[in-house]
Amino acid sequence: MLMVLLGRREHTIKRNTEVLLIRSKKIGLTVNADKTKHIFMSRDQNVGQSHSIKTDNSSFEGLGEFKYLGTTLTN
């Protein structure tokens, strides 16, 4: 399953990720941290380039580019 979490700032993305983890757990689902990646897209070329999102028990790798439906998305 592909899920997109949006936010204007890095802390908003982190908060949305934490909400996803909590609500998934409540209904018996788990998020696989090894398969979960993120990309920050911003007008500022340096935003989130090497950051990973860290929560209490998981860390999600950040990507510089992402291929989706045959299109490569980059910052």
C-alpha atoms as a PDB file:
ATOM      1  CA  MET A   1       0.000   0.000   0.000  1.00  0.00           C
ATOM      2  CA  LEU A   2       1.228   3.488  -0.797  1.00  0.00           C
ATOM      3  CA  MET A   3       0.354   6.240   1.630  1.00  0.00           C
ATOM      4  CA  VAL A   4       1.271   9.891   1.335  1.00  0.00           C
ATOM      5  CA  LEU A   5       1.595  12.081   4.416  1.00  0.00           C
ATOM      6  CA  LEU A   6       1.701  15.798   3.792  1.00  0.00           C
ATOM      7  CA  GLY A   7       2.879  18.741   5.834  1.00  0.00           C
ATOM      8  CA  ARG A   8       4.508  22.118   5.342  1.00  0.00           C
ATOM      9  CA  ARG A   9       7.295  21.500   7.832  1.00  0.00           C
ATOM     10  CA  GLU A  10       9.455  18.587   8.924  1.00  0.00           C
ATOM     11  CA  HIS A  11       7.907  18.501  12.415  1.00  0.00           C
ATOM     12  CA  THR A  12       4.430  18.250  10.856  1.00  0.00           C
ATOM     13  CA  ILE A  13       5.501  15.218   8.811  1.00  0.00           C
ATOM     14  CA  LYS A  14       6.979  13.647  11.950  1.00  0.00           C
ATOM     15  CA  ARG A  15       3.768  14.262  13.910  1.00  0.00           C
ATOM     16  CA  ASN A  16       1.652  12.823  11.083  1.00  0.00           C
ATOM     17  CA  THR A  17       3.913   9.760  11.000  1.00  0.00           C
ATOM     18  CA  GLU A  18       3.487   9.251  14.735  1.00  0.00           C
ATOM     19  CA  VAL A  19      -0.312   9.499  14.358  1.00  0.00           C
ATOM     20  CA  LEU A  20      -0.167   6.914  11.561  1.00  0.00           C
ATOM     21  CA  LEU A  21       1.814   4.520  13.766  1.00  0.00           C
ATOM     22  CA  ILE A  22      -0.541   4.920  16.736  1.00  0.00           C
ATOM     23  CA  ARG A  23      -3.748   4.565  14.736  1.00  0.00           C
ATOM     24  CA  SER A  24      -2.427   1.626  12.728  1.00  0.00           C
ATOM     25  CA  LYS A  25      -1.530  -0.189  15.933  1.00  0.00           C
ATOM     26  CA  LYS A  26      -5.037   0.394  17.331  1.00  0.00           C
ATOM     27  CA  ILE A  27      -6.575  -1.556  14.451  1.00  0.00           C
ATOM     28  CA  GLY A  28      -3.962  -4.308  14.457  1.00  0.00           C
ATOM     29  CA  LEU A  29      -1.681  -3.101  11.657  1.00  0.00           C
ATOM     30  CA  THR A  30       2.030  -2.431  11.792  1.00  0.00           C
ATOM     31  CA  VAL A  31       4.167  -0.126   9.677  1.00  0.00           C
ATOM     32  CA  ASN A  32       7.297  -1.813   8.347  1.00  0.00           C
ATOM     33  CA  ALA A  33      10.119   0.674   8.995  1.00  0.00           C
ATOM     34  CA  ASP A  34      12.417  -1.117   6.519  1.00  0.00           C
ATOM     35  CA  LYS A  35       9.938  -0.517   3.687  1.00  0.00           C
ATOM     36  CA  THR A  36       8.822   2.962   4.726  1.00  0.00           C
ATOM     37  CA  LYS A  37      10.651   5.898   3.151  1.00  0.00           C
ATOM     38  CA  HIS A  38       9.990   9.608   2.902  1.00  0.00           C
ATOM     39  CA  ILE A  39      10.953  12.526   0.728  1.00  0.00           C
ATOM     40  CA  PHE A  40      10.733  16.218   1.606  1.00  0.00           C
ATOM     41  CA  MET A  41       9.718  18.391  -1.305  1.00  0.00           C
ATOM     42  CA  SER A  42      10.252  22.101  -0.890  1.00  0.00           C
ATOM     43  CA  ARG A  43      11.307  25.202  -2.759  1.00  0.00           C
ATOM     44  CA  ASP A  44      14.338  25.196  -0.450  1.00  0.00           C
ATOM     45  CA  GLN A  45      16.691  22.708  -2.132  1.00  0.00           C
ATOM     46  CA  ASN A  46      18.414  21.846   1.170  1.00  0.00           C
ATOM     47  CA  VAL A  47      15.307  20.866   3.147  1.00  0.00           C
ATOM     48  CA  GLY A  48      15.362  17.324   4.478  1.00  0.00           C
ATOM     49  CA  GLN A  49      17.956  16.019   2.062  1.00  0.00           C
ATOM     50  CA  SER A  50      19.653  13.670   4.493  1.00  0.00           C
ATOM     51  CA  HIS A  51      17.192  13.627   7.371  1.00  0.00           C
ATOM     52  CA  SER A  52      15.470  10.556   8.639  1.00  0.00           C
ATOM     53  CA  ILE A  53      12.263  10.659  10.633  1.00  0.00           C
ATOM     54  CA  LYS A  54      12.733   9.123  14.059  1.00  0.00           C
ATOM     55  CA  THR A  55       9.961   8.064  16.389  1.00  0.00           C
ATOM     56  CA  ASP A  56      10.157   6.165  19.673  1.00  0.00           C
ATOM     57  CA  ASN A  57      10.749   2.755  18.100  1.00  0.00           C
ATOM     58  CA  SER A  58      11.355   3.414  14.412  1.00  0.00           C
ATOM     59  CA  SER A  59      13.458   5.385  11.984  1.00  0.00           C
ATOM     60  CA  PHE A  60      12.313   6.072   8.442  1.00  0.00           C
ATOM     61  CA  GLU A  61      14.924   6.676   5.757  1.00  0.00           C
ATOM     62  CA  GLY A  62      14.819   9.862   3.702  1.00  0.00           C
ATOM     63  CA  LEU A  63      15.239   9.722  -0.062  1.00  0.00           C
ATOM     64  CA  GLY A  64      16.557  12.277  -2.550  1.00  0.00           C
ATOM     65  CA  GLU A  65      14.283  10.975  -5.283  1.00  0.00           C
ATOM     66  CA  PHE A  66      11.316   8.670  -5.555  1.00  0.00           C
ATOM     67  CA  LYS A  67       9.820   6.874  -8.548  1.00  0.00           C
ATOM     68  CA  TYR A  68       6.009   6.825  -8.601  1.00  0.00           C
ATOM     69  CA  LEU A  69       3.894   5.619 -11.518  1.00  0.00           C
ATOM     70  CA  GLY A  70       6.825   5.982 -13.895  1.00  0.00           C
ATOM     71  CA  THR A  71       7.664   9.536 -12.814  1.00  0.00           C
ATOM     72  CA  THR A  72      10.718  10.380 -10.756  1.00  0.00           C
ATOM     73  CA  LEU A  73       9.951  12.899  -8.014  1.00  0.00           C
ATOM     74  CA  THR A  74      12.836  14.948  -6.633  1.00  0.00           C
ATOM     75  CA  ASN A  75      13.206  17.973  -4.462  1.00  0.00           C
END
